[in-house]
Amino acid sequence: MQANGYLLPANEAANHRRTRSGEGRGSGEKAKPSNRVRLNGNIARRKPGKRICEYWDIDLPGFGLRVNPGGRRTWFVLFRQRGKLRRVSLGTSKDITPATARRLARAKLAEVALDGLPTRKKARAAQKSSAPLIRDYAERFWADYSRHWKPSTRKRNESAIFKEILGAFGDKRIDELAKGDILFWRDSFVERPGVFNRTLPVLSVMMGYAERLGLRPRGSNPCKGTPRYKRKPMERFFDSNEYARLATALRDYEAEQPLYVAAIRLLIFTGARCGEIEQLRWEWVQEPRLMLPDSKTGAKIIYLNRQATDVIAGLQNRTPRGLLFPSVRNPEKPIKLSMHWPKIRNRAALPDVRLHDLRHSFASVAIRDNISLMVIGKLLGHALAETTTKYAHLSDDIVADAAERVSGSIARLIGLDR
């Protein structure tokens, strides 16, 4: 540990631990080795012993966990401040997660390290700024911005703003939020990485809009450069046997729910998004195309092949206007394919397959048929070419085969194939 500063020296930490556990310095007993570990959820769940035990983090000096025989586990931070040894409790393991405890410990140690330094910068900030709190700014941002989002995006972003962002930064002024705050906030999402990855872009947009309103300096967006959590891609591609099993399951289920089966077949043959097929209307059917006035990426054309055209032709009660796949209970509302998909995929022995994987599989088959990524992007309705490049790895075998054929032709031309 750092000496003569604000963190506890290693020898004093050892003496402090022995004193708190009842071991006298002059008793002649040999000191027990400290429990130095990486404090995480696994350590917090360890079964308590018959005596008080304290674990010390190997990465953050002074950060510890005290476990009582009765099972109470308390996070704490130990440091030296102005010559005195201090221990601050951060909360119990039931109340806060290991990541939050670590963040609080790091913040406390940083505060102690700055103790006694000039505070002129803070004084200036307190005098000058009349910027609103993020809690108040969020209301204006929502009123200005949410109208431009689609309903599903609006619902997701409402939770991100009013639950996650305001829960962490609601009482800060809009011009106070700094890069360090974002990094500390990121640490609290260790157990919810997907939530952070979805919330960070929303906060970034909020900060960018605040700059345009003059509430923050230009180019001061604290979210820029903050890394997202790396997650395993949730992509699943059908092979020929799985397509056969799915086809059998759809035939078996058709007598029970013909409308749902028809919609799923249209997903299979077009590679469209689930919501695009659920909300499809007859006035948008202009064979051999579906002319969608709006989608996730704006207006979109879905090209109908023979199989997709046959699916639409087989629908009953065709009308000039209205939904192709209306709900039985309320014809004005579309069906929800997610209601019956679990039964269908279980019949096909494909319990891990999502409806969106039909779209991924459409792209993978196109790759195997030597269709270029540019054309696949057009078929899927990608607004950006970069979106389609995630399927590029599927074409490795095709590219390798092409390279083999080209090199073979060159070899024949220069007489090296003999």
Protein backbone atom coordinates (compact mmCIF):
# COMPACT_ATOMS: atom_id res chain seq x y z
CA MET A 1 0.00 0.00 0.00
CA GLN A 2 1.03 3.65 -0.50
CA ALA A 3 3.15 4.98 2.38
CA ASN A 4 2.81 8.31 4.16
CA GLY A 5 -0.27 9.19 2.22
CA TYR A 6 -3.88 8.38 2.26
CA LEU A 7 -3.78 4.61 1.87
CA LEU A 8 -2.82 2.28 4.66
CA PRO A 9 0.78 0.94 4.62
CA ALA A 10 1.00 -2.84 4.36
CA ASN A 11 2.53 -3.37 7.83
CA GLU A 12 -0.05 -1.15 9.51
CA ALA A 13 -2.86 -2.89 7.64
CA ALA A 14 -1.63 -6.21 9.00
CA ASN A 15 -1.45 -4.84 12.55
CA HIS A 16 -4.91 -3.33 12.15
CA ARG A 17 -6.38 -6.64 11.02
CA ARG A 18 -4.78 -8.52 13.92
CA THR A 19 -6.03 -5.93 16.41
CA ARG A 20 -9.62 -6.08 15.15
CA SER A 21 -9.66 -9.89 15.20
CA GLY A 22 -8.45 -10.01 18.81
CA GLU A 23 -4.79 -10.84 18.26
CA GLY A 24 -2.43 -8.84 20.52
CA ARG A 25 0.74 -7.46 19.06
CA GLY A 26 2.81 -8.64 22.01
CA SER A 27 1.15 -11.98 22.59
CA GLY A 28 3.85 -13.90 20.86
CA GLU A 29 1.41 -15.43 18.40
CA LYS A 30 2.46 -15.64 14.82
CA ALA A 31 0.36 -13.36 12.60
CA LYS A 32 -1.95 -15.14 10.17
CA PRO A 33 -1.49 -14.39 6.49
CA SER A 34 -3.93 -11.83 5.09
CA ASN A 35 -6.73 -13.06 2.85
CA ARG A 36 -5.74 -11.26 -0.33
CA VAL A 37 -8.15 -12.10 -3.15
CA ARG A 38 -9.95 -10.42 -6.01
CA LEU A 39 -13.18 -9.33 -4.37
CA ASN A 40 -16.21 -10.33 -6.44
CA GLY A 41 -19.53 -12.06 -6.09
CA ASN A 42 -17.94 -15.48 -5.55
CA ILE A 43 -16.02 -14.21 -2.52
CA ALA A 44 -19.14 -12.51 -1.13
CA ARG A 45 -21.00 -15.83 -1.29
CA ARG A 46 -18.39 -17.84 0.59
CA LYS A 47 -19.67 -19.71 3.61
CA PRO A 48 -18.80 -17.85 6.85
CA GLY A 49 -16.42 -19.47 9.31
CA LYS A 50 -16.48 -19.64 13.10
CA ARG A 51 -14.49 -16.40 13.43
CA ILE A 52 -14.60 -12.99 11.85
CA CYS A 53 -12.80 -13.03 8.53
CA GLU A 54 -11.64 -10.08 6.43
CA TYR A 55 -10.78 -10.33 2.74
CA TRP A 56 -8.59 -7.69 1.05
CA ASP A 57 -8.73 -6.89 -2.63
CA ILE A 58 -5.52 -7.50 -4.58
CA ASP A 59 -6.30 -4.80 -7.16
CA LEU A 60 -7.55 -1.90 -4.99
CA PRO A 61 -5.48 -1.42 -1.79
CA GLY A 62 -7.67 -0.66 1.22
CA PHE A 63 -10.85 -2.21 -0.23
CA GLY A 64 -12.11 -5.12 1.85
CA LEU A 65 -14.97 -7.39 2.88
CA ARG A 66 -15.68 -8.30 6.52
CA VAL A 67 -17.59 -11.58 7.07
CA ASN A 68 -19.11 -12.27 10.47
CA PRO A 69 -19.83 -15.82 11.72
CA GLY A 70 -23.54 -15.00 11.62
CA GLY A 71 -23.33 -14.43 7.85
CA ARG A 72 -23.35 -10.62 7.70
CA ARG A 73 -20.96 -9.40 5.02
CA THR A 74 -19.91 -5.77 5.00
CA TRP A 75 -17.89 -3.95 2.34
CA PHE A 76 -15.45 -1.37 3.70
CA VAL A 77 -12.49 0.79 2.76
CA LEU A 78 -9.47 1.39 5.02
CA PHE A 79 -7.17 4.40 4.63
CA ARG A 80 -4.95 6.86 6.49
CA GLN A 81 -6.14 10.46 6.52
CA ARG A 82 -4.16 13.28 8.18
CA GLY A 83 -2.22 10.79 10.27
CA LYS A 84 -5.26 8.85 11.51
CA LEU A 85 -6.35 5.39 10.50
CA ARG A 86 -9.94 5.30 9.31
CA ARG A 87 -12.33 2.57 8.24
CA VAL A 88 -15.51 3.47 6.34
CA SER A 89 -18.33 0.99 5.85
CA LEU A 90 -19.78 0.99 2.34
CA GLY A 91 -22.78 -1.28 2.91
CA THR A 92 -23.62 -4.96 3.12
CA SER A 93 -23.42 -7.50 0.31
CA LYS A 94 -27.24 -7.71 0.37
CA ASP A 95 -27.60 -4.01 -0.34
CA ILE A 96 -24.92 -3.38 -2.97
CA THR A 97 -23.12 -5.47 -5.57
CA PRO A 98 -19.35 -6.05 -5.56
CA ALA A 99 -18.97 -3.72 -8.57
CA THR A 100 -20.85 -0.92 -6.80
CA ALA A 101 -18.83 -1.44 -3.61
CA ARG A 102 -15.61 -1.25 -5.62
CA ARG A 103 -16.76 1.95 -7.30
CA LEU A 104 -17.65 3.53 -3.95
CA ALA A 105 -14.30 2.48 -2.46
CA ARG A 106 -12.40 3.93 -5.41
CA ALA A 107 -14.35 7.19 -5.14
CA LYS A 108 -13.67 7.43 -1.41
CA LEU A 109 -9.95 6.80 -1.85
CA ALA A 110 -9.83 9.44 -4.59
CA GLU A 111 -11.60 11.90 -2.30
CA VAL A 112 -9.10 11.21 0.50
CA ALA A 113 -6.16 11.59 -1.87
CA LEU A 114 -7.41 15.09 -2.81
CA ASP A 115 -8.02 16.10 0.80
CA GLY A 116 -6.28 19.37 1.62
CA LEU A 117 -5.65 20.41 -1.99
CA PRO A 118 -6.91 23.78 -3.27
CA THR A 119 -10.58 23.84 -4.27
CA ARG A 120 -10.56 26.97 -6.40
CA LYS A 121 -11.95 25.15 -9.42
CA LYS A 122 -14.97 23.92 -7.48
CA ALA A 123 -15.60 27.39 -6.09
CA ARG A 124 -15.60 28.88 -9.57
CA ALA A 125 -17.98 26.25 -10.83
CA ALA A 126 -20.38 26.92 -7.96
CA GLN A 127 -20.36 30.65 -8.72
CA LYS A 128 -20.69 30.65 -12.47
CA SER A 129 -23.02 27.92 -13.63
CA SER A 130 -26.76 28.21 -13.96
CA ALA A 131 -27.04 25.02 -16.04
CA PRO A 132 -30.04 22.83 -15.16
CA LEU A 133 -29.89 19.52 -13.34
CA ILE A 134 -29.86 16.50 -15.60
CA ARG A 135 -33.22 15.54 -14.07
CA ASP A 136 -34.76 18.76 -15.36
CA TYR A 137 -32.91 18.68 -18.67
CA ALA A 138 -34.20 15.15 -19.32
CA GLU A 139 -37.79 16.44 -19.48
CA ARG A 140 -36.89 18.95 -22.19
CA PHE A 141 -34.81 16.40 -24.10
CA TRP A 142 -37.69 13.91 -24.00
CA ALA A 143 -40.20 16.48 -25.24
CA ASP A 144 -37.91 17.53 -28.12
CA TYR A 145 -36.46 14.20 -29.14
CA SER A 146 -38.83 11.32 -28.36
CA ARG A 147 -41.33 12.30 -31.04
CA HIS A 148 -38.75 11.31 -33.69
CA TRP A 149 -38.37 7.74 -32.37
CA LYS A 150 -40.46 4.76 -33.35
CA PRO A 151 -42.76 3.40 -30.60
CA SER A 152 -40.50 0.46 -29.73
CA THR A 153 -37.44 2.73 -29.58
CA ARG A 154 -39.33 5.27 -27.50
CA LYS A 155 -40.34 2.63 -24.96
CA ARG A 156 -36.78 1.28 -24.64
CA ASN A 157 -35.20 4.73 -24.38
CA GLU A 158 -37.75 5.92 -21.82
CA SER A 159 -36.51 3.23 -19.43
CA ALA A 160 -32.89 4.08 -20.23
CA ILE A 161 -33.38 7.79 -19.46
CA PHE A 162 -35.77 7.87 -16.52
CA LYS A 163 -34.54 4.74 -14.77
CA GLU A 164 -30.85 4.23 -15.53
CA ILE A 165 -29.53 7.70 -16.40
CA LEU A 166 -31.54 9.76 -13.91
CA GLY A 167 -30.99 7.11 -11.25
CA ALA A 168 -27.25 7.68 -11.56
CA PHE A 169 -26.91 11.35 -12.56
CA GLY A 170 -30.28 13.01 -11.97
CA ASP A 171 -29.00 15.42 -9.31
CA LYS A 172 -25.90 16.52 -11.25
CA ARG A 173 -25.83 19.65 -13.35
CA ILE A 174 -25.72 19.00 -17.06
CA ASP A 175 -22.34 20.74 -17.41
CA GLU A 176 -20.79 18.81 -14.50
CA LEU A 177 -20.93 15.34 -16.02
CA ALA A 178 -17.37 14.26 -16.82
CA LYS A 179 -15.55 11.31 -18.35
CA GLY A 180 -14.67 9.92 -14.91
CA ASP A 181 -18.36 9.84 -13.94
CA ILE A 182 -19.15 7.76 -17.02
CA LEU A 183 -16.36 5.28 -16.30
CA PHE A 184 -17.47 4.83 -12.67
CA TRP A 185 -21.04 4.39 -13.92
CA ARG A 186 -19.87 1.74 -16.38
CA ASP A 187 -18.38 -0.29 -13.52
CA SER A 188 -21.83 -0.61 -11.92
CA PHE A 189 -23.11 -2.53 -14.97
CA VAL A 190 -20.73 -5.49 -14.71
CA GLU A 191 -23.67 -7.82 -14.12
CA ARG A 192 -25.89 -6.05 -16.70
CA PRO A 193 -23.60 -5.38 -19.67
CA GLY A 194 -26.42 -5.38 -22.21
CA VAL A 195 -28.27 -2.60 -20.35
CA PHE A 196 -25.13 -0.44 -20.36
CA ASN A 197 -24.52 -1.04 -24.07
CA ARG A 198 -28.07 0.11 -24.85
CA THR A 199 -28.09 3.05 -22.43
CA LEU A 200 -24.72 4.61 -23.29
CA PRO A 201 -25.76 5.74 -26.82
CA VAL A 202 -28.89 7.37 -25.38
CA LEU A 203 -26.82 9.34 -22.85
CA SER A 204 -24.39 10.29 -25.61
CA VAL A 205 -27.25 11.71 -27.70
CA MET A 206 -28.48 13.64 -24.66
CA MET A 207 -25.03 15.16 -24.13
CA GLY A 208 -24.69 16.04 -27.81
CA TYR A 209 -28.06 17.77 -27.81
CA ALA A 210 -27.07 19.68 -24.66
CA GLU A 211 -24.03 21.01 -26.55
CA ARG A 212 -26.24 22.26 -29.37
CA LEU A 213 -28.47 24.00 -26.83
CA GLY A 214 -25.42 25.70 -25.30
CA LEU A 215 -25.74 23.88 -21.98
CA ARG A 216 -22.33 22.21 -22.36
CA PRO A 217 -19.13 23.30 -24.15
CA ARG A 218 -18.76 22.12 -27.72
CA GLY A 219 -16.88 18.83 -28.07
CA SER A 220 -17.25 17.95 -24.38
CA ASN A 221 -19.41 14.83 -24.73
CA PRO A 222 -18.14 12.61 -21.86
CA CYS A 223 -19.50 9.44 -23.46
CA LYS A 224 -17.13 9.57 -26.44
CA GLY A 225 -14.49 6.87 -26.33
CA THR A 226 -16.15 4.93 -23.51
CA PRO A 227 -15.84 1.23 -24.39
CA ARG A 228 -18.93 -0.92 -24.41
CA TYR A 229 -18.95 -4.36 -22.88
CA LYS A 230 -17.99 -7.10 -25.31
CA ARG A 231 -20.74 -9.67 -25.69
CA LYS A 232 -20.97 -12.90 -27.58
CA PRO A 233 -22.98 -12.34 -30.80
CA MET A 234 -26.43 -13.93 -30.64
CA GLU A 235 -26.37 -15.17 -34.22
CA ARG A 236 -27.80 -18.55 -35.12
CA PHE A 237 -27.89 -20.02 -38.61
CA PHE A 238 -30.01 -22.94 -39.81
CA ASP A 239 -28.44 -25.91 -41.54
CA SER A 240 -30.31 -28.12 -44.03
CA ASN A 241 -31.50 -30.62 -41.40
CA GLU A 242 -32.85 -27.85 -39.19
CA TYR A 243 -34.73 -26.28 -42.09
CA ALA A 244 -36.30 -29.69 -42.76
CA ARG A 245 -37.37 -30.09 -39.12
CA LEU A 246 -38.84 -26.59 -39.09
CA ALA A 247 -40.78 -27.28 -42.30
CA THR A 248 -42.28 -30.44 -40.74
CA ALA A 249 -43.24 -28.55 -37.57
CA LEU A 250 -44.93 -25.82 -39.60
CA ARG A 251 -46.96 -28.37 -41.57
CA ASP A 252 -48.09 -30.03 -38.34
CA TYR A 253 -49.06 -26.69 -36.77
CA GLU A 254 -50.81 -25.30 -39.84
CA ALA A 255 -54.17 -26.90 -39.03
CA GLU A 256 -54.18 -25.20 -35.59
CA GLN A 257 -52.88 -21.75 -36.55
CA PRO A 258 -52.77 -21.25 -40.33
CA LEU A 259 -52.31 -17.46 -40.12
CA TYR A 260 -49.27 -17.72 -37.82
CA VAL A 261 -47.70 -20.40 -39.99
CA ALA A 262 -48.19 -18.30 -43.14
CA ALA A 263 -46.52 -15.30 -41.47
CA ILE A 264 -43.54 -17.38 -40.37
CA ARG A 265 -43.14 -18.80 -43.87
CA LEU A 266 -43.11 -15.25 -45.22
CA LEU A 267 -40.31 -14.45 -42.75
CA ILE A 268 -38.35 -17.47 -43.98
CA PHE A 269 -38.67 -16.60 -47.68
CA THR A 270 -38.10 -12.81 -47.46
CA GLY A 271 -35.61 -12.34 -44.61
CA ALA A 272 -37.83 -9.51 -43.35
CA ARG A 273 -37.92 -8.35 -39.74
CA CYS A 274 -40.62 -9.83 -37.55
CA GLY A 275 -42.43 -6.53 -36.99
CA GLU A 276 -42.48 -5.80 -40.74
CA ILE A 277 -44.45 -8.98 -41.44
CA GLU A 278 -46.71 -8.73 -38.37
CA GLN A 279 -47.84 -5.20 -39.36
CA LEU A 280 -47.99 -5.82 -43.11
CA ARG A 281 -51.04 -4.27 -44.82
CA TRP A 282 -52.78 -5.21 -48.07
CA GLU A 283 -52.34 -1.72 -49.54
CA TRP A 284 -48.55 -2.25 -49.34
CA VAL A 285 -48.67 -5.45 -51.43
CA GLN A 286 -47.69 -4.47 -54.96
CA GLU A 287 -46.45 -7.72 -56.45
CA PRO A 288 -43.67 -8.56 -57.00
CA ARG A 289 -42.83 -6.20 -54.14
CA LEU A 290 -43.96 -5.12 -50.71
CA MET A 291 -43.75 -1.31 -50.52
CA LEU A 292 -43.34 -0.51 -46.81
CA PRO A 293 -43.81 3.22 -46.09
CA ASP A 294 -41.77 2.86 -42.90
CA SER A 295 -39.50 0.37 -41.15
CA LYS A 296 -36.58 0.37 -38.74
CA THR A 297 -34.47 2.06 -41.42
CA GLY A 298 -37.23 4.11 -43.09
CA ALA A 299 -39.19 3.35 -46.25
CA LYS A 300 -38.30 -0.11 -47.57
CA ILE A 301 -38.93 -2.45 -50.49
CA ILE A 302 -39.21 -6.19 -49.82
CA TYR A 303 -38.79 -8.25 -52.98
CA LEU A 304 -41.17 -11.18 -53.32
CA ASN A 305 -39.92 -14.46 -54.74
CA ARG A 306 -42.26 -17.18 -56.04
CA GLN A 307 -42.53 -18.90 -52.67
CA ALA A 308 -43.38 -15.65 -50.86
CA THR A 309 -45.95 -14.77 -53.52
CA ASP A 310 -47.59 -18.19 -53.06
CA VAL A 311 -47.83 -17.62 -49.30
CA ILE A 312 -49.66 -14.31 -49.84
CA ALA A 313 -51.89 -15.82 -52.52
CA GLY A 314 -52.94 -18.55 -50.09
CA LEU A 315 -54.27 -16.11 -47.49
CA GLN A 316 -58.03 -16.03 -47.05
CA ASN A 317 -60.26 -12.96 -47.04
CA ARG A 318 -58.07 -10.66 -49.11
CA THR A 319 -59.29 -7.07 -48.89
CA PRO A 320 -58.23 -3.79 -50.54
CA ARG A 321 -57.05 -2.43 -47.19
CA GLY A 322 -56.20 -3.74 -43.75
CA LEU A 323 -53.76 -6.14 -42.11
CA LEU A 324 -52.63 -9.34 -43.80
CA PHE A 325 -52.25 -10.99 -40.40
CA PRO A 326 -54.88 -9.53 -38.04
CA SER A 327 -55.41 -10.71 -34.49
CA VAL A 328 -58.42 -12.98 -34.03
CA ARG A 329 -59.60 -11.08 -30.96
CA ASN A 330 -59.15 -7.62 -32.48
CA PRO A 331 -58.86 -7.44 -36.29
CA GLU A 332 -57.56 -3.88 -36.02
CA LYS A 333 -54.38 -5.12 -34.28
CA PRO A 334 -51.68 -7.40 -35.77
CA ILE A 335 -50.83 -10.87 -34.52
CA LYS A 336 -47.86 -11.48 -32.22
CA LEU A 337 -45.72 -14.27 -33.65
CA SER A 338 -43.86 -14.61 -30.35
CA MET A 339 -47.00 -16.12 -28.82
CA HIS A 340 -46.80 -19.31 -30.90
CA TRP A 341 -43.13 -19.45 -31.89
CA PRO A 342 -42.03 -21.33 -28.71
CA LYS A 343 -44.45 -24.18 -29.50
CA ILE A 344 -43.34 -24.36 -33.13
CA ARG A 345 -39.60 -24.37 -32.41
CA ASN A 346 -40.03 -27.00 -29.69
CA ARG A 347 -41.89 -29.24 -32.14
CA ALA A 348 -38.93 -28.79 -34.48
CA ALA A 349 -36.48 -29.63 -31.65
CA LEU A 350 -34.91 -26.16 -32.01
CA PRO A 351 -35.38 -24.68 -28.51
CA ASP A 352 -32.60 -22.09 -28.86
CA VAL A 353 -33.78 -20.51 -32.13
CA ARG A 354 -35.28 -17.00 -32.16
CA LEU A 355 -37.57 -15.60 -34.82
CA HIS A 356 -34.84 -13.11 -35.77
CA ASP A 357 -32.55 -16.07 -36.58
CA LEU A 358 -34.72 -16.69 -39.65
CA ARG A 359 -33.38 -13.38 -40.97
CA HIS A 360 -29.77 -14.36 -40.19
CA SER A 361 -30.30 -17.71 -41.90
CA PHE A 362 -31.73 -15.99 -45.00
CA ALA A 363 -28.44 -14.06 -45.26
CA SER A 364 -26.29 -17.16 -44.67
CA VAL A 365 -28.05 -19.06 -47.49
CA ALA A 366 -27.56 -16.06 -49.79
CA ILE A 367 -23.84 -16.11 -48.98
CA ARG A 368 -23.63 -19.82 -49.83
CA ASP A 369 -25.33 -19.06 -53.16
CA ASN A 370 -22.53 -16.60 -54.03
CA ILE A 371 -24.71 -13.50 -53.71
CA SER A 372 -22.64 -10.41 -52.94
CA LEU A 373 -22.85 -8.60 -49.63
CA MET A 374 -24.07 -5.48 -51.42
CA VAL A 375 -27.06 -7.33 -52.87
CA ILE A 376 -27.77 -9.07 -49.55
CA GLY A 377 -27.84 -5.65 -47.89
CA LYS A 378 -30.45 -4.54 -50.42
CA LEU A 379 -32.54 -7.68 -49.81
CA LEU A 380 -32.45 -7.22 -46.05
CA GLY A 381 -33.04 -3.47 -46.20
CA HIS A 382 -29.85 -2.43 -44.41
CA ALA A 383 -29.39 1.33 -44.40
CA LEU A 384 -25.60 1.02 -43.95
CA ALA A 385 -23.24 -1.32 -45.79
CA GLU A 386 -21.36 -1.85 -42.50
CA THR A 387 -24.41 -3.67 -41.09
CA THR A 388 -24.16 -6.37 -43.73
CA THR A 389 -20.44 -6.95 -43.17
CA LYS A 390 -21.20 -9.00 -40.03
CA TYR A 391 -22.07 -11.82 -42.43
CA ALA A 392 -18.73 -11.57 -44.22
CA HIS A 393 -17.17 -14.41 -42.20
CA LEU A 394 -19.76 -16.76 -43.68
CA SER A 395 -18.22 -16.29 -47.13
CA ASP A 396 -14.70 -17.40 -46.11
CA ASP A 397 -15.07 -20.84 -47.71
CA ILE A 398 -16.46 -19.32 -50.91
CA VAL A 399 -13.59 -16.82 -51.12
CA ALA A 400 -11.04 -19.56 -50.43
CA ASP A 401 -12.55 -21.70 -53.18
CA ALA A 402 -12.45 -18.75 -55.59
CA ALA A 403 -8.80 -18.12 -54.72
CA GLU A 404 -8.01 -21.78 -55.40
CA ARG A 405 -9.70 -21.65 -58.80
CA VAL A 406 -8.01 -18.38 -59.78
CA SER A 407 -4.56 -19.60 -58.74
CA GLY A 408 -5.17 -22.85 -60.64
CA SER A 409 -5.99 -20.94 -63.80
CA ILE A 410 -2.85 -18.81 -63.46
CA ALA A 411 -0.76 -21.93 -62.89
CA ARG A 412 -2.08 -23.43 -66.12
CA LEU A 413 -1.32 -20.23 -68.00
CA ILE A 414 2.31 -20.18 -66.93
CA GLY A 415 2.76 -23.92 -67.32
CA LEU A 416 3.15 -24.88 -63.67
CA ASP A 417 0.27 -27.35 -63.54
CA ARG A 418 2.11 -30.04 -65.47
